[in-house]
Amino acid sequence: MTLAALPTDPTFYAVGITATFLMGLGKGAFGGGLAILGIPLLALVMDPIQASIVTALLVAFMDIFALGSFPRSAWSKPDLAWLLPGLVAGTFVGFLVFEFVDRRIVALVIALITLAFTGRYFLKPASAEASLPVSPGLALTASAGAGFTTYVAHAGGPPLAMYLLRRDLTKSAYAATTIVVFTLGNLIKLPGYVYSGLDEPAVFAKALALAPVVPVGVLIGRRLHDSLSREKLYGLCYGLVGIAGAKLLWDAVRALWPV
């Protein structure tokens, strides 16, 4: 790949750098959850399917930096024993949907998932529920949902959070466990996304152009881990997600039912 293959549109870089930095910030500070930003924001400057592939490549690169940010002692191993099998199953189902369903439908599903999780964040903030013990059934269900939504929309954070936040883990344990789950998830889904991108080689150039932003976002996010309010960061970012998701929904509806 030559430098000539890299994008030259300044709007692409303005939107892409912002999206990549925010995804890296969330990965470094809280283990993830902001990858949901990738598709709706990048879809402002590229096709939604291309945006999904570029996001997959970027978040997989982020894992290289994020996995070493927390010691293994911070991992919640009893939870991981149940979360990882469910994640694998859900990711496989997500791959089937992404590959064999009409791409306009996939774009519509991505938009609806994005808006649903955005609405849930603002309408149902985390409450002071009783601490939940390790629950195999809930862990498998939540991680299967996370695997499916992380493949289709890179939105696996909310289903996983519904379980882990009720576990009353420390902030570091929550972040470290989330990173381990999605490192495996991103590793599993990466070959499928690379395969999907073979027909659209421009996506690799776009991902390469944004890759230098990844370590910057992860590093700053890790430094903010102990001092930044998770609620304030997520409130701002989910607001951006809602706006971008609404546009993606509008575009998907127009593609499916043109006037």
Protein backbone atom coordinates (compact mmCIF):
# COMPACT_ATOMS: atom_id res chain seq x y z
CA MET A 1 0.00 0.00 0.00
CA THR A 2 1.44 3.38 -1.02
CA LEU A 3 0.92 6.79 0.53
CA ALA A 4 -1.13 7.70 -2.52
CA ALA A 5 -3.77 5.18 -1.39
CA LEU A 6 -4.36 7.04 1.87
CA PRO A 7 -7.46 9.28 2.09
CA THR A 8 -6.94 12.97 1.34
CA ASP A 9 -10.34 14.38 2.37
CA PRO A 10 -9.84 16.68 5.41
CA THR A 11 -13.39 15.92 6.60
CA PHE A 12 -12.47 12.24 6.82
CA TYR A 13 -9.57 13.08 9.13
CA ALA A 14 -11.59 15.52 11.26
CA VAL A 15 -14.30 12.93 11.91
CA GLY A 16 -12.04 9.87 11.89
CA ILE A 17 -9.46 11.24 14.32
CA THR A 18 -12.20 12.34 16.72
CA ALA A 19 -13.92 8.94 16.61
CA THR A 20 -10.66 7.00 16.97
CA PHE A 21 -9.44 9.12 19.86
CA LEU A 22 -12.71 8.74 21.78
CA MET A 23 -12.75 4.97 21.23
CA GLY A 24 -9.16 4.74 22.47
CA LEU A 25 -9.96 6.99 25.44
CA GLY A 26 -12.80 4.72 26.50
CA LYS A 27 -10.65 1.63 26.01
CA GLY A 28 -7.81 2.98 28.16
CA ALA A 29 -9.97 4.49 30.88
CA PHE A 30 -12.78 1.97 31.29
CA GLY A 31 -11.90 -1.08 29.21
CA GLY A 32 -14.13 -0.20 26.28
CA GLY A 33 -17.73 0.72 25.74
CA LEU A 34 -17.06 3.60 23.38
CA ALA A 35 -16.39 1.45 20.32
CA ILE A 36 -20.09 2.04 19.68
CA LEU A 37 -18.95 5.50 18.56
CA GLY A 38 -17.03 4.09 15.62
CA ILE A 39 -19.71 3.14 13.13
CA PRO A 40 -22.17 6.05 13.47
CA LEU A 41 -19.42 8.68 13.48
CA LEU A 42 -17.32 7.16 10.71
CA ALA A 43 -20.49 6.57 8.70
CA LEU A 44 -20.65 10.35 8.37
CA VAL A 45 -17.65 10.15 6.01
CA MET A 46 -17.90 6.62 4.52
CA ASP A 47 -20.31 3.79 3.81
CA PRO A 48 -21.70 2.23 7.04
CA ILE A 49 -20.32 -1.20 6.16
CA GLN A 50 -16.89 0.30 5.51
CA ALA A 51 -17.21 2.15 8.82
CA SER A 52 -17.89 -1.15 10.57
CA ILE A 53 -14.81 -2.81 9.06
CA VAL A 54 -12.54 0.17 9.83
CA THR A 55 -13.80 0.23 13.42
CA ALA A 56 -13.07 -3.50 13.81
CA LEU A 57 -9.49 -3.02 12.63
CA LEU A 58 -8.94 -0.05 14.94
CA VAL A 59 -10.36 -1.60 18.11
CA ALA A 60 -8.29 -4.75 17.55
CA PHE A 61 -5.20 -2.53 17.37
CA MET A 62 -6.29 -0.79 20.59
CA ASP A 63 -6.32 -4.10 22.46
CA ILE A 64 -2.56 -4.42 21.97
CA PHE A 65 -2.05 -1.31 24.09
CA ALA A 66 -4.97 -1.73 26.49
CA LEU A 67 -4.38 -5.35 27.54
CA GLY A 68 -1.10 -4.45 29.24
CA SER A 69 -2.58 -1.41 31.01
CA PHE A 70 -3.95 -3.46 33.91
CA PRO A 71 -2.26 -6.37 35.75
CA ARG A 72 -3.69 -9.86 35.53
CA SER A 73 -4.46 -9.67 39.24
CA ALA A 74 -7.18 -7.14 38.37
CA TRP A 75 -9.06 -9.61 36.16
CA SER A 76 -12.24 -11.08 37.65
CA LYS A 77 -11.42 -14.67 36.73
CA PRO A 78 -14.63 -16.26 38.15
CA ASP A 79 -16.66 -14.02 35.82
CA LEU A 80 -14.37 -14.61 32.83
CA ALA A 81 -14.89 -18.36 33.14
CA TRP A 82 -18.55 -17.84 32.11
CA LEU A 83 -18.31 -14.68 30.03
CA LEU A 84 -15.85 -15.98 27.43
CA PRO A 85 -17.85 -19.02 26.19
CA GLY A 86 -20.99 -16.91 25.77
CA LEU A 87 -19.02 -14.28 23.90
CA VAL A 88 -17.75 -16.83 21.36
CA ALA A 89 -21.28 -18.09 20.62
CA GLY A 90 -22.75 -14.60 20.26
CA THR A 91 -19.92 -13.46 17.99
CA PHE A 92 -20.54 -16.37 15.61
CA VAL A 93 -24.22 -15.46 15.29
CA GLY A 94 -23.23 -11.84 14.64
CA PHE A 95 -20.91 -12.94 11.84
CA LEU A 96 -23.72 -14.86 10.13
CA VAL A 97 -26.03 -11.84 10.28
CA PHE A 98 -23.35 -9.47 8.99
CA GLU A 99 -22.35 -11.69 6.06
CA PHE A 100 -25.66 -13.08 4.82
CA VAL A 101 -28.25 -10.38 5.49
CA ASP A 102 -28.93 -7.49 3.08
CA ARG A 103 -26.43 -4.73 3.92
CA ARG A 104 -29.21 -2.14 4.03
CA ILE A 105 -30.87 -4.22 6.73
CA VAL A 106 -27.54 -4.50 8.57
CA ALA A 107 -27.18 -0.70 8.46
CA LEU A 108 -30.71 -0.35 9.83
CA VAL A 109 -29.98 -2.85 12.63
CA ILE A 110 -26.77 -1.01 13.49
CA ALA A 111 -28.65 2.28 13.73
CA LEU A 112 -31.41 0.80 15.89
CA ILE A 113 -28.94 -0.90 18.23
CA THR A 114 -26.97 2.33 18.54
CA LEU A 115 -30.07 4.38 19.38
CA ALA A 116 -31.44 1.73 21.75
CA PHE A 117 -28.24 1.62 23.79
CA THR A 118 -27.99 5.42 23.75
CA GLY A 119 -31.56 5.74 25.00
CA ARG A 120 -30.98 3.15 27.68
CA TYR A 121 -27.94 5.04 28.94
CA PHE A 122 -29.87 8.29 29.43
CA LEU A 123 -33.22 6.83 30.51
CA LYS A 124 -31.95 4.13 32.85
CA PRO A 125 -28.75 5.29 34.59
CA ALA A 126 -26.95 2.89 36.84
CA SER A 127 -28.70 2.53 40.17
CA ALA A 128 -27.53 1.41 43.54
CA GLU A 129 -28.61 -2.21 43.20
CA ALA A 130 -27.52 -4.94 45.57
CA SER A 131 -24.25 -6.59 44.64
CA LEU A 132 -24.78 -9.65 42.45
CA PRO A 133 -22.72 -12.81 43.04
CA VAL A 134 -21.16 -14.66 40.11
CA SER A 135 -24.16 -15.84 38.07
CA PRO A 136 -23.36 -18.34 35.27
CA GLY A 137 -26.73 -17.96 33.56
CA LEU A 138 -26.69 -14.17 33.52
CA ALA A 139 -23.03 -14.10 32.54
CA LEU A 140 -23.61 -16.39 29.56
CA THR A 141 -26.68 -14.43 28.45
CA ALA A 142 -24.99 -11.04 28.78
CA SER A 143 -21.82 -12.15 27.03
CA ALA A 144 -23.73 -13.81 24.18
CA GLY A 145 -25.60 -10.54 23.67
CA ALA A 146 -22.29 -8.69 23.85
CA GLY A 147 -20.74 -11.00 21.26
CA PHE A 148 -23.62 -10.48 18.84
CA THR A 149 -23.80 -6.70 19.21
CA THR A 150 -20.04 -6.24 19.17
CA TYR A 151 -19.87 -7.98 15.79
CA VAL A 152 -22.85 -6.22 14.22
CA ALA A 153 -22.39 -2.74 15.72
CA HIS A 154 -19.27 -2.76 17.96
CA ALA A 155 -21.78 -2.14 20.75
CA GLY A 156 -20.94 -5.01 23.08
CA GLY A 157 -20.20 -2.76 26.04
CA PRO A 158 -23.80 -2.17 27.22
CA PRO A 159 -24.88 -5.86 27.41
CA LEU A 160 -21.68 -6.72 29.24
CA ALA A 161 -22.02 -3.72 31.54
CA MET A 162 -25.56 -4.75 32.52
CA TYR A 163 -23.97 -7.77 34.19
CA LEU A 164 -20.58 -6.51 35.37
CA LEU A 165 -21.85 -3.26 36.89
CA ARG A 166 -24.17 -5.26 39.13
CA ARG A 167 -21.20 -7.32 40.31
CA ASP A 168 -19.93 -4.30 42.27
CA LEU A 169 -16.36 -4.78 41.05
CA THR A 170 -13.71 -2.14 41.64
CA LYS A 171 -13.23 0.28 38.77
CA SER A 172 -9.94 -1.37 37.85
CA ALA A 173 -11.42 -4.88 38.00
CA TYR A 174 -14.33 -3.78 35.85
CA ALA A 175 -12.04 -2.19 33.25
CA ALA A 176 -9.52 -5.04 33.23
CA THR A 177 -12.21 -7.74 32.90
CA THR A 178 -13.93 -5.81 30.11
CA ILE A 179 -10.63 -5.49 28.23
CA VAL A 180 -10.00 -9.25 28.43
CA VAL A 181 -13.50 -10.05 27.16
CA PHE A 182 -13.31 -7.73 24.20
CA THR A 183 -9.72 -8.57 23.34
CA LEU A 184 -10.92 -12.13 22.75
CA GLY A 185 -14.04 -10.88 20.96
CA ASN A 186 -12.09 -8.58 18.66
CA LEU A 187 -9.56 -11.33 17.93
CA ILE A 188 -12.35 -13.75 16.97
CA LYS A 189 -14.22 -11.32 14.74
CA LEU A 190 -11.17 -9.80 13.06
CA PRO A 191 -10.75 -12.53 10.39
CA GLY A 192 -14.39 -12.14 9.41
CA TYR A 193 -14.04 -8.39 9.02
CA VAL A 194 -10.80 -8.77 7.06
CA TYR A 195 -12.63 -11.18 4.76
CA SER A 196 -15.49 -8.68 4.37
CA GLY A 197 -12.99 -5.96 3.50
CA LEU A 198 -11.24 -7.88 0.73
CA ASP A 199 -13.78 -6.57 -1.77
CA GLU A 200 -13.26 -3.01 -0.49
CA PRO A 201 -9.48 -2.54 -0.08
CA ALA A 202 -9.93 1.18 0.61
CA VAL A 203 -10.98 0.29 4.16
CA PHE A 204 -7.46 -0.88 4.99
CA ALA A 205 -6.00 2.44 3.85
CA LYS A 206 -8.57 4.31 5.94
CA ALA A 207 -7.79 2.24 9.02
CA LEU A 208 -4.05 2.72 8.49
CA ALA A 209 -4.51 6.49 8.23
CA LEU A 210 -6.23 6.58 11.63
CA ALA A 211 -4.03 4.01 13.39
CA PRO A 212 -1.50 6.54 14.82
CA VAL A 213 -4.29 8.04 16.93
CA VAL A 214 -4.91 4.72 18.71
CA PRO A 215 -2.00 4.69 21.23
CA VAL A 216 -2.57 8.37 22.02
CA GLY A 217 -6.21 7.77 22.96
CA VAL A 218 -5.47 4.63 24.98
CA LEU A 219 -2.56 6.26 26.86
CA ILE A 220 -4.55 9.36 27.79
CA GLY A 221 -7.52 7.21 28.78
CA ARG A 222 -5.36 5.09 31.07
CA ARG A 223 -3.99 8.18 32.78
CA LEU A 224 -7.51 9.45 33.33
CA HIS A 225 -8.68 6.14 34.78
CA ASP A 226 -8.20 7.13 38.41
CA SER A 227 -9.46 10.70 38.17
CA LEU A 228 -12.12 11.03 35.46
CA SER A 229 -15.80 10.50 36.20
CA ARG A 230 -17.07 7.64 34.07
CA GLU A 231 -20.55 9.17 34.03
CA LYS A 232 -19.40 12.52 32.64
CA LEU A 233 -17.32 10.96 29.87
CA TYR A 234 -20.04 8.52 28.85
CA GLY A 235 -22.74 11.19 28.96
CA LEU A 236 -20.87 13.34 26.43
CA CYS A 237 -19.93 10.46 24.17
CA TYR A 238 -23.37 8.86 24.15
CA GLY A 239 -24.82 12.23 23.23
CA LEU A 240 -22.61 12.23 20.15
CA VAL A 241 -23.60 8.63 19.47
CA GLY A 242 -27.28 9.55 19.56
CA ILE A 243 -26.87 12.31 16.98
CA ALA A 244 -24.75 10.15 14.67
CA GLY A 245 -27.04 7.14 15.15
CA ALA A 246 -30.08 9.19 14.18
CA LYS A 247 -28.40 10.20 10.92
CA LEU A 248 -27.43 6.59 10.23
CA LEU A 249 -31.04 5.53 10.80
CA TRP A 250 -32.28 8.22 8.42
CA ASP A 251 -29.85 7.11 5.72
CA ALA A 252 -30.77 3.44 6.19
CA VAL A 253 -34.50 4.14 5.98
CA ARG A 254 -34.04 6.21 2.81
CA ALA A 255 -31.98 3.39 1.23
CA LEU A 256 -34.60 0.79 2.05
CA TRP A 257 -37.65 2.87 1.18
CA PRO A 258 -36.62 5.57 -1.30
CA VAL A 259 -39.19 8.29 -1.93
